């Protein structure tokens, strides 16, 4: 027997409440920070993309009825940190390109910025996925939920950084 955990209904409810609280606090603080460093529309787009990541991971865990424990919560917070880093790299390039080419159409500028950072985003996620797959195959059962959460979260995190955050920014700018 590698490990055994038993969580009662009261403690399980408290774990869920604390998890939502931790994720909510992280998202609000990131929104404030990105708004301060960039602007409101960048912050809102980034946080919505992060919410997308968390929702996808939680949805997959719900569909396959995988265990949600403290390792899952730690992995979700790690995914949020990884995904926001990737999104900020793209948004930083967007900001640089906005300063240089003010007359360029926003959609073309966003596309150019994404293409300039695409190799970095893909190479970074591939570099992270290799040890995670190794841990999944050869690691112990005690870290399996943590690793599965990271694998799913990092894959959808790089997807959302590239394909969700910038289009959200574009839509927010067009409506505002």
C-alpha atoms as a PDB file:
ATOM      1  CA  UNK A   1       0.000   0.000   0.000  1.00  0.00           C
ATOM      2  CA  UNK A   2       1.661   3.209  -1.194  1.00  0.00           C
ATOM      3  CA  UNK A   3      -0.691   5.654   0.460  1.00  0.00           C
ATOM      4  CA  UNK A   4      -4.208   5.917   1.731  1.00  0.00           C
ATOM      5  CA  UNK A   5      -6.256   9.052   2.172  1.00  0.00           C
ATOM      6  CA  UNK A   6      -9.768   9.435   3.409  1.00  0.00           C
ATOM      7  CA  UNK A   7     -11.616  12.712   3.240  1.00  0.00           C
ATOM      8  CA  UNK A   8     -14.961  13.162   4.928  1.00  0.00           C
ATOM      9  CA  UNK A   9     -17.768  15.317   3.569  1.00  0.00           C
ATOM     10  CA  UNK A  10     -16.966  18.251   5.861  1.00  0.00           C
ATOM     11  CA  UNK A  11     -13.266  18.278   5.021  1.00  0.00           C
ATOM     12  CA  UNK A  12     -14.031  17.682   1.330  1.00  0.00           C
ATOM     13  CA  UNK A  13     -16.353  20.677   1.293  1.00  0.00           C
ATOM     14  CA  UNK A  14     -13.717  22.766   3.014  1.00  0.00           C
ATOM     15  CA  UNK A  15     -11.108  21.630   0.465  1.00  0.00           C
ATOM     16  CA  UNK A  16     -13.361  22.702  -2.414  1.00  0.00           C
ATOM     17  CA  UNK A  17     -14.114  26.045  -0.748  1.00  0.00           C
ATOM     18  CA  UNK A  18     -10.425  26.715  -0.083  1.00  0.00           C
ATOM     19  CA  UNK A  19      -9.515  25.680  -3.635  1.00  0.00           C
ATOM     20  CA  UNK A  20     -12.024  28.109  -5.141  1.00  0.00           C
ATOM     21  CA  UNK A  21     -10.775  30.798  -2.787  1.00  0.00           C
ATOM     22  CA  UNK A  22      -7.117  30.179  -3.696  1.00  0.00           C
ATOM     23  CA  UNK A  23      -7.805  30.210  -7.445  1.00  0.00           C
ATOM     24  CA  UNK A  24     -10.018  33.298  -7.162  1.00  0.00           C
ATOM     25  CA  UNK A  25      -7.410  35.207  -5.166  1.00  0.00           C
ATOM     26  CA  UNK A  26      -4.707  34.221  -7.666  1.00  0.00           C
ATOM     27  CA  UNK A  27      -6.834  35.387 -10.617  1.00  0.00           C
ATOM     28  CA  UNK A  28      -7.754  38.713  -8.982  1.00  0.00           C
ATOM     29  CA  UNK A  29      -4.141  39.453  -8.037  1.00  0.00           C
ATOM     30  CA  UNK A  30      -3.008  38.623 -11.576  1.00  0.00           C
ATOM     31  CA  UNK A  31      -5.697  40.887 -13.013  1.00  0.00           C
ATOM     32  CA  UNK A  32      -4.491  43.738 -10.807  1.00  0.00           C
ATOM     33  CA  UNK A  33      -0.832  43.127 -11.663  1.00  0.00           C
ATOM     34  CA  UNK A  34      -1.360  42.830 -15.425  1.00  0.00           C
ATOM     35  CA  UNK A  35      -3.627  45.886 -15.443  1.00  0.00           C
ATOM     36  CA  UNK A  36      -0.896  47.838 -13.646  1.00  0.00           C
ATOM     37  CA  UNK A  37       1.918  46.571 -15.915  1.00  0.00           C
ATOM     38  CA  UNK A  38      -0.001  46.608 -19.217  1.00  0.00           C
ATOM     39  CA  UNK A  39      -3.609  47.806 -19.317  1.00  0.00           C
ATOM     40  CA  UNK A  40      -7.075  46.637 -18.278  1.00  0.00           C
ATOM     41  CA  UNK A  41      -7.866  44.869 -21.573  1.00  0.00           C
ATOM     42  CA  UNK A  42      -4.668  42.791 -21.410  1.00  0.00           C
ATOM     43  CA  UNK A  43      -5.423  41.850 -17.805  1.00  0.00           C
ATOM     44  CA  UNK A  44      -9.012  40.881 -18.488  1.00  0.00           C
ATOM     45  CA  UNK A  45      -8.071  38.795 -21.538  1.00  0.00           C
ATOM     46  CA  UNK A  46      -5.295  37.026 -19.622  1.00  0.00           C
ATOM     47  CA  UNK A  47      -7.517  36.197 -16.636  1.00  0.00           C
ATOM     48  CA  UNK A  48     -10.329  34.951 -18.871  1.00  0.00           C
ATOM     49  CA  UNK A  49      -7.823  32.697 -20.659  1.00  0.00           C
ATOM     50  CA  UNK A  50      -6.653  31.395 -17.265  1.00  0.00           C
ATOM     51  CA  UNK A  51     -10.250  30.738 -16.268  1.00  0.00           C
ATOM     52  CA  UNK A  52     -10.550  28.763 -19.522  1.00  0.00           C
ATOM     53  CA  UNK A  53      -7.545  26.629 -18.500  1.00  0.00           C
ATOM     54  CA  UNK A  54      -8.932  25.885 -15.046  1.00  0.00           C
ATOM     55  CA  UNK A  55     -12.372  25.125 -16.441  1.00  0.00           C
ATOM     56  CA  UNK A  56     -10.984  22.684 -19.031  1.00  0.00           C
ATOM     57  CA  UNK A  57      -8.869  20.805 -16.473  1.00  0.00           C
ATOM     58  CA  UNK A  58     -11.749  20.619 -13.987  1.00  0.00           C
ATOM     59  CA  UNK A  59     -14.084  19.502 -16.766  1.00  0.00           C
ATOM     60  CA  UNK A  60     -11.771  16.692 -17.840  1.00  0.00           C
ATOM     61  CA  UNK A  61     -11.380  15.562 -14.239  1.00  0.00           C
ATOM     62  CA  UNK A  62     -15.152  15.640 -13.851  1.00  0.00           C
ATOM     63  CA  UNK A  63     -15.813  13.693 -17.051  1.00  0.00           C
ATOM     64  CA  UNK A  64     -13.337  10.950 -16.161  1.00  0.00           C
ATOM     65  CA  UNK A  65     -14.203  11.141 -12.448  1.00  0.00           C
ATOM     66  CA  UNK A  66     -10.584  11.515 -11.383  1.00  0.00           C
ATOM     67  CA  UNK A  67      -9.734  12.264  -7.785  1.00  0.00           C
ATOM     68  CA  UNK A  68      -9.571  15.884  -6.690  1.00  0.00           C
ATOM     69  CA  UNK A  69      -7.225  16.319  -3.746  1.00  0.00           C
ATOM     70  CA  UNK A  70      -4.671  18.797  -2.430  1.00  0.00           C
ATOM     71  CA  UNK A  71      -2.171  17.725  -5.117  1.00  0.00           C
ATOM     72  CA  UNK A  72      -4.783  18.630  -7.739  1.00  0.00           C
ATOM     73  CA  UNK A  73      -5.178  22.104  -6.219  1.00  0.00           C
ATOM     74  CA  UNK A  74      -1.406  22.601  -6.156  1.00  0.00           C
ATOM     75  CA  UNK A  75      -1.214  21.511  -9.788  1.00  0.00           C
ATOM     76  CA  UNK A  76      -4.035  23.894 -10.789  1.00  0.00           C
ATOM     77  CA  UNK A  77      -2.179  26.804  -9.187  1.00  0.00           C
ATOM     78  CA  UNK A  78       1.004  25.694 -10.980  1.00  0.00           C
ATOM     79  CA  UNK A  79      -0.865  25.571 -14.296  1.00  0.00           C
ATOM     80  CA  UNK A  80      -2.168  29.089 -13.680  1.00  0.00           C
ATOM     81  CA  UNK A  81       1.374  30.312 -13.050  1.00  0.00           C
ATOM     82  CA  UNK A  82       2.736  28.602 -16.152  1.00  0.00           C
ATOM     83  CA  UNK A  83      -0.075  29.775 -18.397  1.00  0.00           C
ATOM     84  CA  UNK A  84       0.055  33.392 -17.233  1.00  0.00           C
ATOM     85  CA  UNK A  85       3.798  33.433 -17.878  1.00  0.00           C
ATOM     86  CA  UNK A  86       3.269  32.251 -21.444  1.00  0.00           C
ATOM     87  CA  UNK A  87       0.445  34.750 -21.981  1.00  0.00           C
ATOM     88  CA  UNK A  88       2.518  37.636 -20.626  1.00  0.00           C
ATOM     89  CA  UNK A  89       5.353  36.803 -23.034  1.00  0.00           C
ATOM     90  CA  UNK A  90       2.906  37.094 -25.937  1.00  0.00           C
ATOM     91  CA  UNK A  91       1.270  40.239 -24.553  1.00  0.00           C
ATOM     92  CA  UNK A  92       4.681  41.822 -23.983  1.00  0.00           C
ATOM     93  CA  UNK A  93       5.474  41.253 -27.658  1.00  0.00           C
ATOM     94  CA  UNK A  94       2.088  42.738 -28.580  1.00  0.00           C
ATOM     95  CA  UNK A  95       2.866  45.807 -26.479  1.00  0.00           C
ATOM     96  CA  UNK A  96       6.289  46.194 -28.111  1.00  0.00           C
ATOM     97  CA  UNK A  97       4.771  45.880 -31.575  1.00  0.00           C
ATOM     98  CA  UNK A  98       2.020  48.370 -30.683  1.00  0.00           C
ATOM     99  CA  UNK A  99       4.672  50.940 -29.756  1.00  0.00           C
ATOM    100  CA  UNK A 100       6.593  50.414 -32.998  1.00  0.00           C
ATOM    101  CA  UNK A 101       3.744  50.180 -35.491  1.00  0.00           C
ATOM    102  CA  UNK A 102       0.819  52.269 -34.378  1.00  0.00           C
ATOM    103  CA  UNK A 103      -0.791  52.337 -37.820  1.00  0.00           C
ATOM    104  CA  UNK A 104      -0.906  48.579 -38.326  1.00  0.00           C
ATOM    105  CA  UNK A 105      -4.301  46.890 -38.036  1.00  0.00           C
ATOM    106  CA  UNK A 106      -4.701  45.340 -34.577  1.00  0.00           C
ATOM    107  CA  UNK A 107      -5.596  41.870 -35.895  1.00  0.00           C
ATOM    108  CA  UNK A 108      -2.480  41.758 -38.087  1.00  0.00           C
ATOM    109  CA  UNK A 109      -0.334  43.039 -35.233  1.00  0.00           C
ATOM    110  CA  UNK A 110      -1.675  40.379 -32.877  1.00  0.00           C
ATOM    111  CA  UNK A 111      -1.055  37.674 -35.452  1.00  0.00           C
ATOM    112  CA  UNK A 112       2.493  38.940 -36.010  1.00  0.00           C
ATOM    113  CA  UNK A 113       3.161  39.004 -32.254  1.00  0.00           C
ATOM    114  CA  UNK A 114       1.868  35.449 -31.814  1.00  0.00           C
ATOM    115  CA  UNK A 115       4.016  34.200 -34.688  1.00  0.00           C
ATOM    116  CA  UNK A 116       7.094  35.892 -33.187  1.00  0.00           C
ATOM    117  CA  UNK A 117       6.607  34.039 -29.897  1.00  0.00           C
ATOM    118  CA  UNK A 118       5.187  30.753 -31.245  1.00  0.00           C
ATOM    119  CA  UNK A 119       8.505  28.849 -31.279  1.00  0.00           C
ATOM    120  CA  UNK A 120       9.258  29.878 -27.709  1.00  0.00           C
ATOM    121  CA  UNK A 121       5.818  28.816 -26.482  1.00  0.00           C
ATOM    122  CA  UNK A 122       5.879  25.430 -28.195  1.00  0.00           C
ATOM    123  CA  UNK A 123       9.485  24.661 -27.259  1.00  0.00           C
ATOM    124  CA  UNK A 124       8.848  25.583 -23.641  1.00  0.00           C
ATOM    125  CA  UNK A 125       5.791  23.347 -23.316  1.00  0.00           C
ATOM    126  CA  UNK A 126       7.553  20.447 -25.057  1.00  0.00           C
ATOM    127  CA  UNK A 127      10.505  20.813 -22.687  1.00  0.00           C
ATOM    128  CA  UNK A 128       8.136  20.665 -19.712  1.00  0.00           C
ATOM    129  CA  UNK A 129       6.043  17.790 -21.087  1.00  0.00           C
ATOM    130  CA  UNK A 130       9.030  15.436 -21.449  1.00  0.00           C
ATOM    131  CA  UNK A 131       9.769  15.141 -17.716  1.00  0.00           C
ATOM    132  CA  UNK A 132       6.038  15.078 -16.934  1.00  0.00           C
ATOM    133  CA  UNK A 133       5.475  12.095 -19.230  1.00  0.00           C
ATOM    134  CA  UNK A 134       8.502  10.414 -17.650  1.00  0.00           C
ATOM    135  CA  UNK A 135       7.045  11.048 -14.182  1.00  0.00           C
ATOM    136  CA  UNK A 136       3.690   9.683 -15.304  1.00  0.00           C
ATOM    137  CA  UNK A 137       5.268   6.495 -16.636  1.00  0.00           C
ATOM    138  CA  UNK A 138       7.877   5.863 -13.952  1.00  0.00           C
ATOM    139  CA  UNK A 139       6.793   7.970 -10.968  1.00  0.00           C
ATOM    140  CA  UNK A 140       4.896   6.607  -8.056  1.00  0.00           C
ATOM    141  CA  UNK A 141       1.169   6.494  -7.646  1.00  0.00           C
ATOM    142  CA  UNK A 142       1.257   9.260  -5.062  1.00  0.00           C
ATOM    143  CA  UNK A 143       2.079  11.934  -7.663  1.00  0.00           C
ATOM    144  CA  UNK A 144      -0.070  10.572 -10.481  1.00  0.00           C
ATOM    145  CA  UNK A 145      -2.970  13.051 -10.014  1.00  0.00           C
ATOM    146  CA  UNK A 146      -0.499  15.927  -9.755  1.00  0.00           C
ATOM    147  CA  UNK A 147       1.273  14.920 -12.973  1.00  0.00           C
ATOM    148  CA  UNK A 148      -1.948  14.270 -14.913  1.00  0.00           C
ATOM    149  CA  UNK A 149      -3.259  17.683 -13.873  1.00  0.00           C
ATOM    150  CA  UNK A 150      -0.031  19.346 -14.981  1.00  0.00           C
ATOM    151  CA  UNK A 151      -0.020  17.508 -18.317  1.00  0.00           C
ATOM    152  CA  UNK A 152      -3.579  18.513 -19.151  1.00  0.00           C
ATOM    153  CA  UNK A 153      -3.139  22.024 -17.786  1.00  0.00           C
ATOM    154  CA  UNK A 154       0.112  22.764 -19.589  1.00  0.00           C
ATOM    155  CA  UNK A 155      -1.246  21.521 -22.917  1.00  0.00           C
ATOM    156  CA  UNK A 156      -4.363  23.650 -22.635  1.00  0.00           C
ATOM    157  CA  UNK A 157      -2.324  26.488 -21.120  1.00  0.00           C
ATOM    158  CA  UNK A 158      -0.138  26.831 -24.186  1.00  0.00           C
ATOM    159  CA  UNK A 159      -3.233  26.517 -26.369  1.00  0.00           C
ATOM    160  CA  UNK A 160      -5.033  29.276 -24.481  1.00  0.00           C
ATOM    161  CA  UNK A 161      -1.982  31.537 -24.447  1.00  0.00           C
ATOM    162  CA  UNK A 162      -1.724  31.319 -28.213  1.00  0.00           C
ATOM    163  CA  UNK A 163      -5.323  30.818 -29.373  1.00  0.00           C
ATOM    164  CA  UNK A 164      -7.553  32.260 -26.644  1.00  0.00           C
ATOM    165  CA  UNK A 165      -5.858  35.189 -24.863  1.00  0.00           C
ATOM    166  CA  UNK A 166      -5.023  37.295 -27.922  1.00  0.00           C
ATOM    167  CA  UNK A 167      -8.423  36.870 -29.605  1.00  0.00           C
ATOM    168  CA  UNK A 168     -10.045  37.814 -26.284  1.00  0.00           C
ATOM    169  CA  UNK A 169      -7.845  40.903 -26.139  1.00  0.00           C
ATOM    170  CA  UNK A 170      -8.867  41.751 -29.709  1.00  0.00           C
ATOM    171  CA  UNK A 171     -12.578  41.389 -28.901  1.00  0.00           C
ATOM    172  CA  UNK A 172     -12.245  43.479 -25.736  1.00  0.00           C
ATOM    173  CA  UNK A 173     -10.432  46.236 -27.659  1.00  0.00           C
ATOM    174  CA  UNK A 174     -13.009  46.194 -30.451  1.00  0.00           C
ATOM    175  CA  UNK A 175     -15.926  46.525 -28.031  1.00  0.00           C
ATOM    176  CA  UNK A 176     -14.227  49.130 -25.838  1.00  0.00           C
END
